[in-house]
Amino acid sequence: MTLPARFALLFAAQFAAIGAMMPFLPAVLQSKGLSAEQVSAVLAAGSAVRLLAAPAIGRGADRVGAPRRVLVLAAAVAGCTASGYALAPGGGGFAFAALLGVALLHSLFLAPVVPLSDALWLGASRRLRFDYGRVRSAGSAAYIAGAVAAGQVAAFFEPPAVVWLYAAGLLLAALAARGLPGEEGAAAGGGRVGFAAPFREPAFRWLLPLSALIQGSHALYYGFSTIHWTAAGLSPGVIGLLWAEGVVAEVLLFLWGGKLAARLGPAGLAAVAAGAGVVRWGVTAETTWLPALAAVQVLHSITFGAQHLGAMRVLAGMPAAQAATAQTLHSSLGTGLAMGVLTLLSGPLYARFGGDGFWAMAALCAAALPVAVGLRAALVRRG
C-alpha cells in the first residue's frame, strides 16, 4: 500500500468514527437516563478536556520525537474507552457520574488523534510533495458514510449500538497509524520546545484568530440550522440532503482544489473563505427558500474547506520540531475554543433573533478579512 493510501485509510477511519458518533452522542446519553442538563454537562466536560489535553500531548509528542507512537496509543485507548458509553449503567445519579468519568477519560485520549494525524501527513507531504487535500478528502467522504451507517444502526437497534461503530473506527485508525513508516516528527531530542515556540512565528499568531473567526462562524449553523429549517417547514430528509451537500462540496474541493490552493496561498484562501462566509451566512439569515439554501450550501467547501487547506499550508511551514505542538495548539485555540464559546453564545443569539442571528456569523467573516491581510504580510516576511 502506498504512503498516501495509508494516510487516506487513517483519515477515513477516524472521520468515519466521528461521523458515526457526533450526531448520536446526545441520544446515547439520553438513552442512559440523563437529563438535558446532565447531557450538556457531559458534553461540555469532554470539550474542556480536549481543549487542554491536545496541546499538552502534542508538546509531549514533539519532546520525545515520536508522534506516530503517541498517535497509535491515543487512538487505541480512545477506541477502548469509547465502549464505556455503551457499557455504563443507565438511570440514577450513578449513571451520570459514570458517563461523566467515561467522557473525561475518553476525551483525554481522543484529543490529539486528528491534529497528530495532520501533523504526520504534513511532514510526509512536505518531504515527498504529496497533495494534502486529496488524501484528506477520504476523511470527509468517510464522515458522510459513517453518519449514514450510524443512522441505520440507531434506527434498527438502539442509539447505544452506534458506540460500537465509533469504537471500531478508532481502533482501525490505531492500526492504520501503526502502518505508517518510521517517525515523521521531530528528531529525537530535537523537539524540546515549549508551548511558546510556535507563537514566535508571526504567521502562526495571525492564523489563530483567522481560524477562530472563520471556523467559529459555523457555530450557529452546526447548532441551530436544523432547528431553524425545521421551523420553516423543511422536512428532515431535505435538511439531511442540505447538510450532505455541504460535505460533498468539501470533498470535491479537497480532491481537485490543489492547484487553486497553490495559486491563492494561505492568505488568499482565507480571504476567499471569509468573503464566502459573508455571502453564505447573509443568505441563510435572510431566507429559508430551498433553492437559495441549496445554492449557498455549496459554499461550505470554501467557508470550511478553503480555510482548512490554508491553515494546513501555514502549519506545514512550521519547524519540524514544533509540528505536533503547533497542530494541537491550532486545533484547541484556533478552532476548538472559538467554536465552544460561540456555540454557547449561539443559544441566546438564536433565541432572541432567530435566523437573523446568522448576520452575526457573517460579521465574524467580515472581521476576518483584515486578519487575512496580516497573514499575507507575515508569510511574505517568512519567505
Protein backbone atom coordinates (compact mmCIF):
# COMPACT_ATOMS: atom_id res chain seq x y z
CA MET A 1 0.00 0.00 0.00
CA THR A 2 1.39 3.42 -0.92
CA LEU A 3 2.06 6.05 1.72
CA PRO A 4 -0.81 8.32 0.57
CA ALA A 5 -3.15 5.32 0.68
CA ARG A 6 -2.08 4.54 4.25
CA PHE A 7 -2.80 8.11 5.32
CA ALA A 8 -6.13 8.02 3.44
CA LEU A 9 -7.07 4.93 5.46
CA LEU A 10 -6.06 6.71 8.67
CA PHE A 11 -8.20 9.77 7.87
CA ALA A 12 -11.11 7.62 6.65
CA ALA A 13 -11.15 5.51 9.82
CA GLN A 14 -11.09 8.41 12.26
CA PHE A 15 -13.62 10.56 10.42
CA ALA A 16 -15.99 7.65 9.81
CA ALA A 17 -15.91 7.16 13.59
CA ILE A 18 -16.55 10.85 14.26
CA GLY A 19 -19.35 10.93 11.67
CA ALA A 20 -21.00 7.98 13.37
CA MET A 21 -20.80 9.33 16.91
CA MET A 22 -21.15 13.11 16.66
CA PRO A 23 -24.85 13.19 15.63
CA PHE A 24 -25.86 10.48 18.13
CA LEU A 25 -23.84 11.04 21.31
CA PRO A 26 -26.59 13.20 22.92
CA ALA A 27 -29.14 10.45 22.12
CA VAL A 28 -26.82 7.82 23.62
CA LEU A 29 -26.52 9.82 26.84
CA GLN A 30 -30.25 10.47 26.95
CA SER A 31 -30.94 6.74 26.49
CA LYS A 32 -28.95 6.14 29.69
CA GLY A 33 -31.42 8.29 31.62
CA LEU A 34 -29.50 11.58 31.70
CA SER A 35 -31.47 14.82 31.77
CA ALA A 36 -30.87 17.61 29.26
CA GLU A 37 -28.77 19.47 31.81
CA GLN A 38 -26.70 16.35 32.51
CA VAL A 39 -26.20 15.71 28.79
CA SER A 40 -24.91 19.27 28.38
CA ALA A 41 -22.59 18.85 31.35
CA VAL A 42 -21.07 15.64 29.96
CA LEU A 43 -20.57 17.16 26.51
CA ALA A 44 -19.06 20.36 27.94
CA ALA A 45 -16.70 18.41 30.20
CA GLY A 46 -15.44 16.37 27.26
CA SER A 47 -14.85 19.52 25.21
CA ALA A 48 -12.94 21.17 28.05
CA VAL A 49 -10.65 18.17 28.44
CA ARG A 50 -9.92 18.06 24.70
CA LEU A 51 -9.01 21.75 24.67
CA LEU A 52 -6.47 21.27 27.45
CA ALA A 53 -5.17 17.81 26.58
CA ALA A 54 -4.45 18.24 22.87
CA PRO A 55 -1.65 20.84 23.23
CA ALA A 56 -0.13 19.01 26.21
CA ILE A 57 0.02 15.69 24.38
CA GLY A 58 1.19 17.39 21.18
CA ARG A 59 4.06 19.01 23.05
CA GLY A 60 4.93 15.65 24.59
CA ALA A 61 4.99 14.04 21.14
CA ASP A 62 7.42 16.72 19.93
CA ARG A 63 9.62 16.37 23.00
CA VAL A 64 10.11 12.62 22.60
CA GLY A 65 10.21 12.78 18.79
CA ALA A 66 7.60 10.01 18.49
CA PRO A 67 4.31 11.44 17.16
CA ARG A 68 3.38 8.21 15.37
CA ARG A 69 3.69 6.09 18.51
CA VAL A 70 1.74 8.66 20.51
CA LEU A 71 -0.98 8.66 17.84
CA VAL A 72 -1.22 4.84 17.84
CA LEU A 73 -1.53 4.77 21.63
CA ALA A 74 -4.03 7.63 21.78
CA ALA A 75 -6.31 6.18 19.08
CA ALA A 76 -6.19 2.69 20.59
CA VAL A 77 -7.02 3.84 24.12
CA ALA A 78 -9.69 6.22 22.79
CA GLY A 79 -11.29 3.27 20.98
CA CYS A 80 -11.27 1.16 24.13
CA THR A 81 -12.59 3.89 26.43
CA ALA A 82 -15.35 4.76 23.95
CA SER A 83 -17.00 1.46 24.81
CA GLY A 84 -17.79 2.95 28.21
CA TYR A 85 -20.58 4.97 26.65
CA ALA A 86 -22.37 1.71 25.81
CA LEU A 87 -21.37 -0.27 28.91
CA ALA A 88 -22.15 2.39 31.53
CA PRO A 89 -25.25 1.64 33.63
CA GLY A 90 -28.41 3.57 32.92
CA GLY A 91 -30.62 5.51 35.30
CA GLY A 92 -29.96 7.32 38.56
CA GLY A 93 -27.18 9.58 39.76
CA PHE A 94 -24.55 6.85 39.35
CA ALA A 95 -25.20 6.79 35.58
CA PHE A 96 -24.34 10.48 35.34
CA ALA A 97 -21.15 10.04 37.37
CA ALA A 98 -20.12 7.01 35.31
CA LEU A 99 -20.75 8.66 31.97
CA LEU A 100 -19.01 11.84 33.09
CA GLY A 101 -15.98 9.74 34.00
CA VAL A 102 -16.10 7.99 30.62
CA ALA A 103 -16.29 11.35 28.82
CA LEU A 104 -13.32 12.77 30.73
CA LEU A 105 -11.10 9.73 30.18
CA HIS A 106 -12.13 9.20 26.57
CA SER A 107 -11.68 12.87 25.64
CA LEU A 108 -8.19 12.87 27.14
CA PHE A 109 -7.02 10.30 24.59
CA LEU A 110 -9.24 11.41 21.69
CA ALA A 111 -7.93 14.99 21.81
CA PRO A 112 -4.66 14.53 19.86
CA VAL A 113 -5.85 11.98 17.27
CA VAL A 114 -6.87 14.33 14.44
CA PRO A 115 -4.17 17.04 14.92
CA LEU A 116 -1.38 14.45 15.21
CA SER A 117 -2.62 12.76 12.04
CA ASP A 118 -2.50 16.12 10.26
CA ALA A 119 0.98 16.82 11.62
CA LEU A 120 2.31 13.47 10.40
CA TRP A 121 0.79 13.86 6.96
CA LEU A 122 2.06 17.40 6.56
CA GLY A 123 5.53 16.23 7.48
CA ALA A 124 5.38 13.48 4.87
CA SER A 125 3.87 15.70 2.18
CA ARG A 126 6.48 18.39 2.81
CA ARG A 127 9.25 15.89 2.07
CA LEU A 128 7.59 13.93 -0.73
CA ARG A 129 5.37 16.65 -2.24
CA PHE A 130 2.06 14.85 -1.84
CA ASP A 131 -1.25 16.70 -2.10
CA TYR A 132 -2.74 17.06 1.40
CA GLY A 133 -6.23 17.86 0.10
CA ARG A 134 -6.62 14.71 -1.98
CA VAL A 135 -5.73 12.46 0.93
CA ARG A 136 -7.81 14.46 3.44
CA SER A 137 -10.86 14.10 1.15
CA ALA A 138 -11.01 10.43 2.20
CA GLY A 139 -11.83 11.64 5.71
CA SER A 140 -14.66 13.90 4.59
CA ALA A 141 -16.18 11.18 2.41
CA ALA A 142 -15.90 8.68 5.26
CA TYR A 143 -17.62 11.15 7.60
CA ILE A 144 -20.72 11.00 5.38
CA ALA A 145 -20.58 7.20 5.22
CA GLY A 146 -20.19 6.95 8.99
CA ALA A 147 -23.17 9.21 9.66
CA VAL A 148 -25.37 7.28 7.23
CA ALA A 149 -24.32 3.91 8.68
CA ALA A 150 -24.89 5.11 12.24
CA GLY A 151 -28.35 6.34 11.34
CA GLN A 152 -29.29 2.90 10.08
CA VAL A 153 -27.82 1.18 13.13
CA ALA A 154 -29.60 3.56 15.52
CA ALA A 155 -32.90 3.02 13.71
CA PHE A 156 -32.56 -0.77 13.60
CA PHE A 157 -31.24 -1.28 17.13
CA GLU A 158 -30.89 1.43 19.83
CA PRO A 159 -28.68 4.57 19.94
CA PRO A 160 -26.02 2.91 22.18
CA ALA A 161 -25.29 0.44 19.37
CA VAL A 162 -23.68 3.34 17.47
CA VAL A 163 -20.92 3.38 20.11
CA TRP A 164 -19.51 0.12 18.74
CA LEU A 165 -19.17 1.62 15.26
CA TYR A 166 -17.35 4.55 16.83
CA ALA A 167 -15.01 2.37 18.86
CA ALA A 168 -14.25 0.16 15.85
CA GLY A 169 -13.38 3.20 13.74
CA LEU A 170 -10.91 4.49 16.32
CA LEU A 171 -9.28 1.08 16.70
CA LEU A 172 -8.96 0.87 12.91
CA ALA A 173 -7.33 4.32 12.99
CA ALA A 174 -4.79 2.99 15.51
CA LEU A 175 -3.99 0.07 13.20
CA ALA A 176 -3.70 2.42 10.21
CA ALA A 177 -1.32 4.69 12.15
CA ARG A 178 0.77 1.66 13.04
CA GLY A 179 1.29 1.04 9.34
CA LEU A 180 2.93 4.42 8.77
CA PRO A 181 6.67 4.31 8.23
CA GLY A 182 9.07 5.30 10.98
CA GLU A 183 8.70 8.50 12.98
CA GLU A 184 7.86 11.51 10.84
CA GLY A 185 8.02 14.03 13.66
CA ALA A 186 10.93 15.84 15.21
CA ALA A 187 14.18 14.02 15.55
CA ALA A 188 14.68 12.56 18.98
CA GLY A 189 15.69 15.33 21.35
CA GLY A 190 15.14 17.98 18.69
CA GLY A 191 11.64 18.82 19.79
CA ARG A 192 12.47 20.14 23.24
CA VAL A 193 10.43 23.27 22.82
CA GLY A 194 7.70 24.77 24.96
CA PHE A 195 4.21 25.94 24.15
CA ALA A 196 5.55 29.41 23.40
CA ALA A 197 7.74 28.28 20.49
CA PRO A 198 5.03 28.33 17.76
CA PHE A 199 3.95 31.81 18.87
CA ARG A 200 7.35 33.15 17.86
CA GLU A 201 6.23 32.61 14.26
CA PRO A 202 4.22 35.70 13.18
CA ALA A 203 2.26 33.65 10.64
CA PHE A 204 1.09 31.32 13.42
CA ARG A 205 0.00 34.27 15.54
CA TRP A 206 -2.13 35.59 12.66
CA LEU A 207 -3.52 32.14 11.83
CA LEU A 208 -5.11 31.55 15.23
CA PRO A 209 -7.59 34.49 15.16
CA LEU A 210 -8.20 33.89 11.46
CA SER A 211 -9.28 30.28 12.04
CA ALA A 212 -11.22 31.31 15.14
CA LEU A 213 -13.27 33.87 13.19
CA ILE A 214 -13.91 31.84 10.02
CA GLN A 215 -14.33 28.36 11.50
CA GLY A 216 -16.11 29.79 14.54
CA SER A 217 -18.67 31.41 12.24
CA HIS A 218 -20.06 27.89 11.66
CA ALA A 219 -21.21 27.61 15.29
CA LEU A 220 -24.77 28.79 14.72
CA TYR A 221 -25.03 26.58 11.61
CA TYR A 222 -23.89 23.46 13.47
CA GLY A 223 -26.09 24.15 16.46
CA PHE A 224 -29.31 25.62 15.11
CA SER A 225 -29.65 25.38 11.32
CA THR A 226 -31.62 22.13 11.55
CA ILE A 227 -33.95 23.65 14.15
CA HIS A 228 -34.32 26.83 12.07
CA TRP A 229 -35.05 24.99 8.83
CA THR A 230 -37.45 22.57 10.52
CA ALA A 231 -39.41 25.52 11.92
CA ALA A 232 -39.55 26.91 8.38
CA GLY A 233 -41.25 23.72 7.17
CA LEU A 234 -38.38 21.82 5.57
CA SER A 235 -38.56 18.06 6.04
CA PRO A 236 -35.84 16.08 7.84
CA GLY A 237 -34.96 14.38 4.55
CA VAL A 238 -34.40 17.70 2.79
CA ILE A 239 -32.39 19.06 5.70
CA GLY A 240 -30.22 15.95 5.65
CA LEU A 241 -29.56 16.49 1.95
CA LEU A 242 -28.58 20.12 2.60
CA TRP A 243 -26.03 19.00 5.18
CA ALA A 244 -24.71 16.27 2.90
CA GLU A 245 -24.42 18.73 0.01
CA GLY A 246 -22.03 20.88 2.02
CA VAL A 247 -19.74 17.96 2.87
CA VAL A 248 -19.80 16.62 -0.70
CA ALA A 249 -18.71 20.06 -1.95
CA GLU A 250 -15.92 19.98 0.64
CA VAL A 251 -14.75 16.59 -0.69
CA LEU A 252 -14.65 17.94 -4.23
CA LEU A 253 -12.52 20.89 -3.16
CA PHE A 254 -10.08 18.62 -1.33
CA LEU A 255 -9.86 16.36 -4.39
CA TRP A 256 -9.38 18.95 -7.10
CA GLY A 257 -8.52 22.22 -5.38
CA GLY A 258 -4.78 21.69 -5.11
CA LYS A 259 -3.81 23.99 -7.97
CA LEU A 260 -6.19 26.69 -6.78
CA ALA A 261 -4.80 26.45 -3.25
CA ALA A 262 -1.24 26.73 -4.56
CA ARG A 263 -2.14 29.79 -6.63
CA LEU A 264 -4.02 31.64 -3.88
CA GLY A 265 -1.75 30.71 -0.99
CA PRO A 266 -2.90 30.51 2.64
CA ALA A 267 -3.85 34.19 2.94
CA GLY A 268 -5.74 34.16 -0.36
CA LEU A 269 -7.63 31.01 0.67
CA ALA A 270 -8.56 32.66 3.97
CA ALA A 271 -9.75 35.83 2.24
CA VAL A 272 -11.90 33.81 -0.17
CA ALA A 273 -13.29 31.78 2.75
CA ALA A 274 -14.14 34.94 4.68
CA GLY A 275 -15.85 36.53 1.67
CA ALA A 276 -17.82 33.36 1.00
CA GLY A 277 -18.84 33.31 4.66
CA VAL A 278 -20.32 36.81 4.42
CA VAL A 279 -22.42 35.66 1.46
CA ARG A 280 -23.37 32.28 2.90
CA TRP A 281 -24.47 33.47 6.32
CA GLY A 282 -26.15 36.58 4.92
CA VAL A 283 -28.32 34.48 2.61
CA THR A 284 -29.02 31.98 5.40
CA ALA A 285 -30.13 34.87 7.64
CA GLU A 286 -32.48 36.33 5.06
CA THR A 287 -34.29 33.33 3.62
CA THR A 288 -35.28 29.70 4.08
CA TRP A 289 -36.20 29.36 0.40
CA LEU A 290 -34.88 25.95 -0.56
CA PRO A 291 -33.19 26.88 -3.88
CA ALA A 292 -31.29 29.69 -2.15
CA LEU A 293 -30.20 27.42 0.69
CA ALA A 294 -29.09 24.75 -1.77
CA ALA A 295 -27.02 27.34 -3.64
CA VAL A 296 -25.17 28.64 -0.59
CA GLN A 297 -24.61 25.20 0.94
CA VAL A 298 -22.08 24.64 -1.84
CA LEU A 299 -20.05 27.42 -0.18
CA HIS A 300 -19.28 25.06 2.71
CA SER A 301 -16.42 23.84 0.55
CA ILE A 302 -14.98 27.36 0.82
CA THR A 303 -16.02 28.59 4.27
CA PHE A 304 -14.71 25.42 5.91
CA GLY A 305 -12.61 23.68 3.26
CA ALA A 306 -10.60 26.58 1.87
CA GLN A 307 -9.75 27.91 5.33
CA HIS A 308 -8.72 24.44 6.47
CA LEU A 309 -6.43 23.99 3.46
CA GLY A 310 -4.91 27.43 4.06
CA ALA A 311 -4.31 26.67 7.73
CA MET A 312 -2.59 23.39 6.86
CA ARG A 313 -0.28 25.24 4.46
CA VAL A 314 0.73 27.68 7.19
CA LEU A 315 1.31 24.85 9.67
CA ALA A 316 3.31 22.90 7.10
CA GLY A 317 5.83 25.74 7.15
CA MET A 318 6.44 25.46 10.88
CA PRO A 319 9.75 23.94 12.07
CA ALA A 320 9.56 20.15 12.23
CA ALA A 321 10.38 20.14 15.96
CA GLN A 322 7.21 22.17 16.61
CA ALA A 323 4.85 20.33 14.23
CA ALA A 324 2.70 18.44 16.73
CA THR A 325 2.68 21.32 19.23
CA ALA A 326 1.59 23.80 16.56
CA GLN A 327 -1.09 21.46 15.20
CA THR A 328 -2.62 20.76 18.59
CA LEU A 329 -2.47 24.41 19.67
CA HIS A 330 -4.21 25.42 16.45
CA SER A 331 -6.82 22.71 16.96
CA SER A 332 -7.50 23.87 20.53
CA LEU A 333 -7.10 27.65 20.37
CA GLY A 334 -7.71 28.35 16.71
CA THR A 335 -10.86 26.25 16.30
CA GLY A 336 -11.90 24.36 19.44
CA LEU A 337 -12.01 27.23 21.93
CA ALA A 338 -13.66 29.63 19.49
CA MET A 339 -16.23 27.03 18.47
CA GLY A 340 -17.02 26.20 22.08
CA VAL A 341 -17.50 29.82 23.13
CA LEU A 342 -19.51 30.72 20.05
CA THR A 343 -21.68 27.62 20.41
CA LEU A 344 -22.56 28.72 23.94
CA LEU A 345 -23.42 32.20 22.64
CA SER A 346 -25.43 30.80 19.74
CA GLY A 347 -28.21 29.59 22.03
CA PRO A 348 -29.14 33.03 23.36
CA LEU A 349 -28.44 34.56 19.94
CA TYR A 350 -30.89 32.26 18.17
CA ALA A 351 -33.44 32.51 20.97
CA ARG A 352 -33.56 36.29 20.58
CA PHE A 353 -33.02 36.83 16.86
CA GLY A 354 -33.88 33.53 15.17
CA GLY A 355 -32.44 33.27 11.67
CA ASP A 356 -31.28 36.88 11.80
CA GLY A 357 -28.57 35.63 14.16
CA PHE A 358 -26.67 34.40 11.09
CA TRP A 359 -25.81 38.04 10.40
CA ALA A 360 -23.53 37.84 13.46
CA MET A 361 -21.76 34.92 11.79
CA ALA A 362 -21.41 36.99 8.62
CA ALA A 363 -19.88 39.79 10.72
CA LEU A 364 -17.25 37.38 12.06
CA CYS A 365 -16.24 36.54 8.49
CA ALA A 366 -16.09 40.22 7.56
CA ALA A 367 -13.80 40.81 10.55
CA ALA A 368 -11.52 38.05 9.25
CA LEU A 369 -10.71 39.91 6.02
CA PRO A 370 -8.16 42.36 7.50
CA VAL A 371 -6.67 39.48 9.51
CA ALA A 372 -6.05 37.66 6.22
CA VAL A 373 -4.11 40.73 5.05
CA GLY A 374 -1.96 40.47 8.18
CA LEU A 375 -1.31 36.80 7.50
CA ARG A 376 -0.22 37.60 3.95
CA ALA A 377 2.32 40.15 5.23
CA ALA A 378 3.65 37.67 7.80
CA LEU A 379 4.07 34.97 5.16
CA VAL A 380 5.91 37.38 2.86
CA ARG A 381 8.34 38.17 5.70
CA ARG A 382 8.76 34.45 6.42
CA GLY A 383 9.62 33.87 2.76
